[in-house]
Amino acid sequence: KRSPATLSGGQQQRVALARALAVRPR
């Protein structure tokens, strides 16, 4: 439930990575 604006740079990149992996790209 956290807003991206409340995250550190490292946390934002972790979320971006999770988003990219979510759909299991080949």
PDB file of all heavy atoms in Angstrom:
ATOM      1  N   LYS A   1       0.799  -1.224   0.000  1.00  0.00           N
ATOM      2  CA  LYS A   1       0.000   0.000   0.000  1.00  0.00           C
ATOM      3  C   LYS A   1       0.833   1.277   0.000  1.00  0.00           C
ATOM      4  O   LYS A   1       0.275   2.373   0.008  1.00  0.00           O
ATOM      5  CB  LYS A   1      -0.936   0.007   1.204  1.00  0.00           C
ATOM      6  CG  LYS A   1      -1.946  -1.152   1.215  1.00  0.00           C
ATOM      7  CD  LYS A   1      -2.784  -1.176  -0.061  1.00  0.00           C
ATOM      8  CE  LYS A   1      -3.803  -2.303  -0.047  1.00  0.00           C
ATOM      9  NZ  LYS A   1      -4.573  -2.353  -1.341  1.00  0.00           N
ATOM     10  N   ARG A   2       2.152   1.137  -0.052  1.00  0.00           N
ATOM     11  CA  ARG A   2       3.016   2.309  -0.051  1.00  0.00           C
ATOM     12  C   ARG A   2       2.961   3.036  -1.395  1.00  0.00           C
ATOM     13  O   ARG A   2       2.826   2.432  -2.455  1.00  0.00           O
ATOM     14  CB  ARG A   2       4.446   1.899   0.261  1.00  0.00           C
ATOM     15  CG  ARG A   2       4.658   1.394   1.691  1.00  0.00           C
ATOM     16  CD  ARG A   2       4.812   2.529   2.671  1.00  0.00           C
ATOM     17  NE  ARG A   2       6.011   3.317   2.399  1.00  0.00           N
ATOM     18  CZ  ARG A   2       7.224   3.037   2.891  1.00  0.00           C
ATOM     19  NH1 ARG A   2       7.406   1.986   3.687  1.00  0.00           N
ATOM     20  NH2 ARG A   2       8.252   3.822   2.618  1.00  0.00           N
ATOM     21  N   SER A   3       3.084   4.359  -1.347  1.00  0.00           N
ATOM     22  CA  SER A   3       3.189   5.152  -2.558  1.00  0.00           C
ATOM     23  C   SER A   3       4.639   5.157  -3.037  1.00  0.00           C
ATOM     24  O   SER A   3       5.567   5.224  -2.211  1.00  0.00           O
ATOM     25  CB  SER A   3       2.743   6.583  -2.296  1.00  0.00           C
ATOM     26  OG  SER A   3       3.116   7.447  -3.355  1.00  0.00           O
ATOM     27  N   PRO A   4       4.903   5.082  -4.367  1.00  0.00           N
ATOM     28  CA  PRO A   4       6.279   5.149  -4.848  1.00  0.00           C
ATOM     29  C   PRO A   4       7.030   6.376  -4.355  1.00  0.00           C
ATOM     30  O   PRO A   4       8.245   6.319  -4.156  1.00  0.00           O
ATOM     31  CB  PRO A   4       6.115   5.171  -6.368  1.00  0.00           C
ATOM     32  CG  PRO A   4       4.829   4.452  -6.625  1.00  0.00           C
ATOM     33  CD  PRO A   4       3.948   4.833  -5.470  1.00  0.00           C
ATOM     34  N   ALA A   5       6.325   7.490  -4.126  1.00  0.00           N
ATOM     35  CA  ALA A   5       6.970   8.723  -3.684  1.00  0.00           C
ATOM     36  C   ALA A   5       7.578   8.594  -2.292  1.00  0.00           C
ATOM     37  O   ALA A   5       8.460   9.384  -1.928  1.00  0.00           O
ATOM     38  CB  ALA A   5       5.975   9.882  -3.713  1.00  0.00           C
ATOM     39  N   THR A   6       7.118   7.635  -1.500  1.00  0.00           N
ATOM     40  CA  THR A   6       7.630   7.454  -0.141  1.00  0.00           C
ATOM     41  C   THR A   6       8.819   6.495  -0.083  1.00  0.00           C
ATOM     42  O   THR A   6       9.364   6.264   0.995  1.00  0.00           O
ATOM     43  CB  THR A   6       6.527   6.922   0.793  1.00  0.00           C
ATOM     44  OG1 THR A   6       6.175   5.577   0.416  1.00  0.00           O
ATOM     45  CG2 THR A   6       5.294   7.815   0.716  1.00  0.00           C
ATOM     46  N   LEU A   7       9.211   5.944  -1.221  1.00  0.00           N
ATOM     47  CA  LEU A   7      10.276   4.950  -1.257  1.00  0.00           C
ATOM     48  C   LEU A   7      11.625   5.585  -1.589  1.00  0.00           C
ATOM     49  O   LEU A   7      11.695   6.593  -2.285  1.00  0.00           O
ATOM     50  CB  LEU A   7       9.968   3.883  -2.302  1.00  0.00           C
ATOM     51  CG  LEU A   7       8.621   3.158  -2.195  1.00  0.00           C
ATOM     52  CD1 LEU A   7       8.480   2.144  -3.331  1.00  0.00           C
ATOM     53  CD2 LEU A   7       8.472   2.486  -0.847  1.00  0.00           C
ATOM     54  N   SER A   8      12.678   4.979  -1.094  1.00  0.00           N
ATOM     55  CA  SER A   8      14.028   5.388  -1.474  1.00  0.00           C
ATOM     56  C   SER A   8      14.305   4.961  -2.912  1.00  0.00           C
ATOM     57  O   SER A   8      13.560   4.175  -3.511  1.00  0.00           O
ATOM     58  CB  SER A   8      15.056   4.755  -0.546  1.00  0.00           C
ATOM     59  OG  SER A   8      15.106   3.339  -0.736  1.00  0.00           O
ATOM     60  N   GLY A   9      15.422   5.460  -3.477  1.00  0.00           N
ATOM     61  CA  GLY A   9      15.777   5.082  -4.834  1.00  0.00           C
ATOM     62  C   GLY A   9      15.976   3.584  -4.993  1.00  0.00           C
ATOM     63  O   GLY A   9      15.527   2.980  -5.976  1.00  0.00           O
ATOM     64  N   GLY A  10      16.637   2.972  -4.023  1.00  0.00           N
ATOM     65  CA  GLY A  10      16.844   1.538  -4.080  1.00  0.00           C
ATOM     66  C   GLY A  10      15.546   0.752  -3.991  1.00  0.00           C
ATOM     67  O   GLY A  10      15.358  -0.252  -4.679  1.00  0.00           O
ATOM     68  N   GLN A  11      14.625   1.207  -3.138  1.00  0.00           N
ATOM     69  CA  GLN A  11      13.336   0.549  -3.020  1.00  0.00           C
ATOM     70  C   GLN A  11      12.527   0.690  -4.305  1.00  0.00           C
ATOM     71  O   GLN A  11      11.854  -0.252  -4.737  1.00  0.00           O
ATOM     72  CB  GLN A  11      12.575   1.123  -1.827  1.00  0.00           C
ATOM     73  CG  GLN A  11      13.171   0.743  -0.483  1.00  0.00           C
ATOM     74  CD  GLN A  11      12.557   1.516   0.668  1.00  0.00           C
ATOM     75  OE1 GLN A  11      12.021   2.623   0.488  1.00  0.00           O
ATOM     76  NE2 GLN A  11      12.642   0.962   1.868  1.00  0.00           N
ATOM     77  N   GLN A  12      12.577   1.855  -4.930  1.00  0.00           N
ATOM     78  CA  GLN A  12      11.868   2.046  -6.189  1.00  0.00           C
ATOM     79  C   GLN A  12      12.386   1.099  -7.264  1.00  0.00           C
ATOM     80  O   GLN A  12      11.599   0.534  -8.032  1.00  0.00           O
ATOM     81  CB  GLN A  12      11.997   3.495  -6.655  1.00  0.00           C
ATOM     82  CG  GLN A  12      11.226   4.496  -5.800  1.00  0.00           C
ATOM     83  CD  GLN A  12      11.370   5.909  -6.296  1.00  0.00           C
ATOM     84  OE1 GLN A  12      11.855   6.164  -7.394  1.00  0.00           O
ATOM     85  NE2 GLN A  12      10.966   6.879  -5.487  1.00  0.00           N
ATOM     86  N   GLN A  13      13.696   0.897  -7.328  1.00  0.00           N
ATOM     87  CA  GLN A  13      14.247  -0.021  -8.315  1.00  0.00           C
ATOM     88  C   GLN A  13      13.847  -1.459  -8.019  1.00  0.00           C
ATOM     89  O   GLN A  13      13.640  -2.261  -8.932  1.00  0.00           O
ATOM     90  CB  GLN A  13      15.766   0.109  -8.381  1.00  0.00           C
ATOM     91  CG  GLN A  13      16.258   1.401  -9.037  1.00  0.00           C
ATOM     92  CD  GLN A  13      15.761   1.561 -10.457  1.00  0.00           C
ATOM     93  OE1 GLN A  13      14.627   1.989 -10.700  1.00  0.00           O
ATOM     94  NE2 GLN A  13      16.599   1.220 -11.414  1.00  0.00           N
ATOM     95  N   ARG A  14      13.718  -1.817  -6.758  1.00  0.00           N
ATOM     96  CA  ARG A  14      13.240  -3.149  -6.397  1.00  0.00           C
ATOM     97  C   ARG A  14      11.802  -3.355  -6.864  1.00  0.00           C
ATOM     98  O   ARG A  14      11.446  -4.423  -7.375  1.00  0.00           O
ATOM     99  CB  ARG A  14      13.347  -3.356  -4.889  1.00  0.00           C
ATOM    100  CG  ARG A  14      14.779  -3.475  -4.373  1.00  0.00           C
ATOM    101  CD  ARG A  14      14.783  -3.515  -2.856  1.00  0.00           C
ATOM    102  NE  ARG A  14      16.115  -3.552  -2.305  1.00  0.00           N
ATOM    103  CZ  ARG A  14      16.799  -4.661  -2.011  1.00  0.00           C
ATOM    104  NH1 ARG A  14      16.249  -5.838  -2.243  1.00  0.00           N
ATOM    105  NH2 ARG A  14      18.022  -4.595  -1.505  1.00  0.00           N
ATOM    106  N   VAL A  15      10.977  -2.327  -6.692  1.00  0.00           N
ATOM    107  CA  VAL A  15       9.594  -2.423  -7.144  1.00  0.00           C
ATOM    108  C   VAL A  15       9.547  -2.531  -8.669  1.00  0.00           C
ATOM    109  O   VAL A  15       8.782  -3.331  -9.222  1.00  0.00           O
ATOM    110  CB  VAL A  15       8.770  -1.217  -6.658  1.00  0.00           C
ATOM    111  CG1 VAL A  15       7.365  -1.237  -7.271  1.00  0.00           C
ATOM    112  CG2 VAL A  15       8.674  -1.210  -5.144  1.00  0.00           C
ATOM    113  N   ALA A  16      10.358  -1.726  -9.362  1.00  0.00           N
ATOM    114  CA  ALA A  16      10.402  -1.787 -10.824  1.00  0.00           C
ATOM    115  C   ALA A  16      10.827  -3.166 -11.299  1.00  0.00           C
ATOM    116  O   ALA A  16      10.300  -3.695 -12.287  1.00  0.00           O
ATOM    117  CB  ALA A  16      11.352  -0.717 -11.362  1.00  0.00           C
ATOM    118  N   LEU A  17      11.779  -3.780 -10.607  1.00  0.00           N
ATOM    119  CA  LEU A  17      12.204  -5.123 -10.966  1.00  0.00           C
ATOM    120  C   LEU A  17      11.086  -6.129 -10.742  1.00  0.00           C
ATOM    121  O   LEU A  17      10.838  -7.000 -11.587  1.00  0.00           O
ATOM    122  CB  LEU A  17      13.446  -5.510 -10.158  1.00  0.00           C
ATOM    123  CG  LEU A  17      14.001  -6.909 -10.384  1.00  0.00           C
ATOM    124  CD1 LEU A  17      14.417  -7.090 -11.842  1.00  0.00           C
ATOM    125  CD2 LEU A  17      15.194  -7.167  -9.452  1.00  0.00           C
ATOM    126  N   ALA A  18      10.399  -6.007  -9.611  1.00  0.00           N
ATOM    127  CA  ALA A  18       9.267  -6.892  -9.348  1.00  0.00           C
ATOM    128  C   ALA A  18       8.204  -6.744 -10.429  1.00  0.00           C
ATOM    129  O   ALA A  18       7.612  -7.734 -10.874  1.00  0.00           O
ATOM    130  CB  ALA A  18       8.682  -6.594  -7.967  1.00  0.00           C
ATOM    131  N   ARG A  19       7.931  -5.518 -10.855  1.00  0.00           N
ATOM    132  CA  ARG A  19       6.951  -5.280 -11.905  1.00  0.00           C
ATOM    133  C   ARG A  19       7.370  -5.934 -13.216  1.00  0.00           C
ATOM    134  O   ARG A  19       6.565  -6.545 -13.918  1.00  0.00           O
ATOM    135  CB  ARG A  19       6.733  -3.789 -12.105  1.00  0.00           C
ATOM    136  CG  ARG A  19       5.620  -3.439 -13.089  1.00  0.00           C
ATOM    137  CD  ARG A  19       5.413  -1.939 -13.197  1.00  0.00           C
ATOM    138  NE  ARG A  19       6.581  -1.276 -13.770  1.00  0.00           N
ATOM    139  CZ  ARG A  19       6.642   0.028 -13.957  1.00  0.00           C
ATOM    140  NH1 ARG A  19       5.646   0.823 -13.598  1.00  0.00           N
ATOM    141  NH2 ARG A  19       7.734   0.555 -14.494  1.00  0.00           N
ATOM    142  N   ALA A  20       8.638  -5.801 -13.567  1.00  0.00           N
ATOM    143  CA  ALA A  20       9.125  -6.399 -14.803  1.00  0.00           C
ATOM    144  C   ALA A  20       9.054  -7.917 -14.770  1.00  0.00           C
ATOM    145  O   ALA A  20       8.830  -8.560 -15.792  1.00  0.00           O
ATOM    146  CB  ALA A  20      10.555  -5.942 -15.068  1.00  0.00           C
ATOM    147  N   LEU A  21       9.247  -8.513 -13.587  1.00  0.00           N
ATOM    148  CA  LEU A  21       9.248  -9.960 -13.454  1.00  0.00           C
ATOM    149  C   LEU A  21       7.849 -10.545 -13.302  1.00  0.00           C
ATOM    150  O   LEU A  21       7.666 -11.760 -13.486  1.00  0.00           O
ATOM    151  CB  LEU A  21      10.092 -10.382 -12.247  1.00  0.00           C
ATOM    152  CG  LEU A  21      11.601 -10.164 -12.352  1.00  0.00           C
ATOM    153  CD1 LEU A  21      12.258 -10.386 -10.998  1.00  0.00           C
ATOM    154  CD2 LEU A  21      12.213 -11.100 -13.391  1.00  0.00           C
ATOM    155  N   ALA A  22       6.880  -9.724 -12.974  1.00  0.00           N
ATOM    156  CA  ALA A  22       5.557 -10.216 -12.599  1.00  0.00           C
ATOM    157  C   ALA A  22       4.943 -11.112 -13.658  1.00  0.00           C
ATOM    158  O   ALA A  22       4.322 -12.131 -13.345  1.00  0.00           O
ATOM    159  CB  ALA A  22       4.626  -9.046 -12.280  1.00  0.00           C
ATOM    160  N   VAL A  23       5.092 -10.753 -14.922  1.00  0.00           N
ATOM    161  CA  VAL A  23       4.464 -11.499 -16.002  1.00  0.00           C
ATOM    162  C   VAL A  23       5.376 -12.568 -16.596  1.00  0.00           C
ATOM    163  O   VAL A  23       5.080 -13.139 -17.636  1.00  0.00           O
ATOM    164  CB  VAL A  23       3.992 -10.545 -17.102  1.00  0.00           C
ATOM    165  CG1 VAL A  23       2.855  -9.677 -16.623  1.00  0.00           C
ATOM    166  CG2 VAL A  23       5.162  -9.671 -17.583  1.00  0.00           C
ATOM    167  N   ARG A  24       6.494 -12.833 -15.941  1.00  0.00           N
ATOM    168  CA  ARG A  24       7.436 -13.874 -16.348  1.00  0.00           C
ATOM    169  C   ARG A  24       7.861 -13.717 -17.806  1.00  0.00           C
ATOM    170  O   ARG A  24       7.610 -14.596 -18.643  1.00  0.00           O
ATOM    171  CB  ARG A  24       6.857 -15.258 -16.095  1.00  0.00           C
ATOM    172  CG  ARG A  24       6.615 -15.570 -14.630  1.00  0.00           C
ATOM    173  CD  ARG A  24       6.155 -16.991 -14.419  1.00  0.00           C
ATOM    174  NE  ARG A  24       6.081 -17.340 -13.015  1.00  0.00           N
ATOM    175  CZ  ARG A  24       5.030 -17.161 -12.248  1.00  0.00           C
ATOM    176  NH1 ARG A  24       3.920 -16.596 -12.744  1.00  0.00           N
ATOM    177  NH2 ARG A  24       5.040 -17.496 -10.977  1.00  0.00           N
ATOM    178  N   PRO A  25       8.534 -12.621 -18.155  1.00  0.00           N
ATOM    179  CA  PRO A  25       8.985 -12.431 -19.536  1.00  0.00           C
ATOM    180  C   PRO A  25      10.005 -13.488 -19.910  1.00  0.00           C
ATOM    181  O   PRO A  25      10.782 -13.947 -19.071  1.00  0.00           O
ATOM    182  CB  PRO A  25       9.613 -11.044 -19.509  1.00  0.00           C
ATOM    183  CG  PRO A  25      10.075 -10.874 -18.098  1.00  0.00           C
ATOM    184  CD  PRO A  25       9.043 -11.555 -17.253  1.00  0.00           C
ATOM    185  N   ARG A  26      10.016 -13.862 -21.187  1.00  0.00           N
ATOM    186  CA  ARG A  26      10.984 -14.870 -21.588  1.00  0.00           C
ATOM    187  C   ARG A  26      12.391 -14.280 -21.676  1.00  0.00           C
ATOM    188  O   ARG A  26      13.377 -15.031 -21.646  1.00  0.00           O
ATOM    189  CB  ARG A  26      10.578 -15.537 -22.900  1.00  0.00           C
ATOM    190  CG  ARG A  26      10.432 -14.625 -24.098  1.00  0.00           C
ATOM    191  CD  ARG A  26      10.110 -15.453 -25.336  1.00  0.00           C
ATOM    192  NE  ARG A  26       9.978 -14.626 -26.530  1.00  0.00           N
ATOM    193  CZ  ARG A  26       9.910 -15.131 -27.756  1.00  0.00           C
ATOM    194  NH1 ARG A  26      10.010 -16.431 -27.948  1.00  0.00           N
ATOM    195  NH2 ARG A  26       9.772 -14.319 -28.793  1.00  0.00           N
TER     196      ARG A  26
END
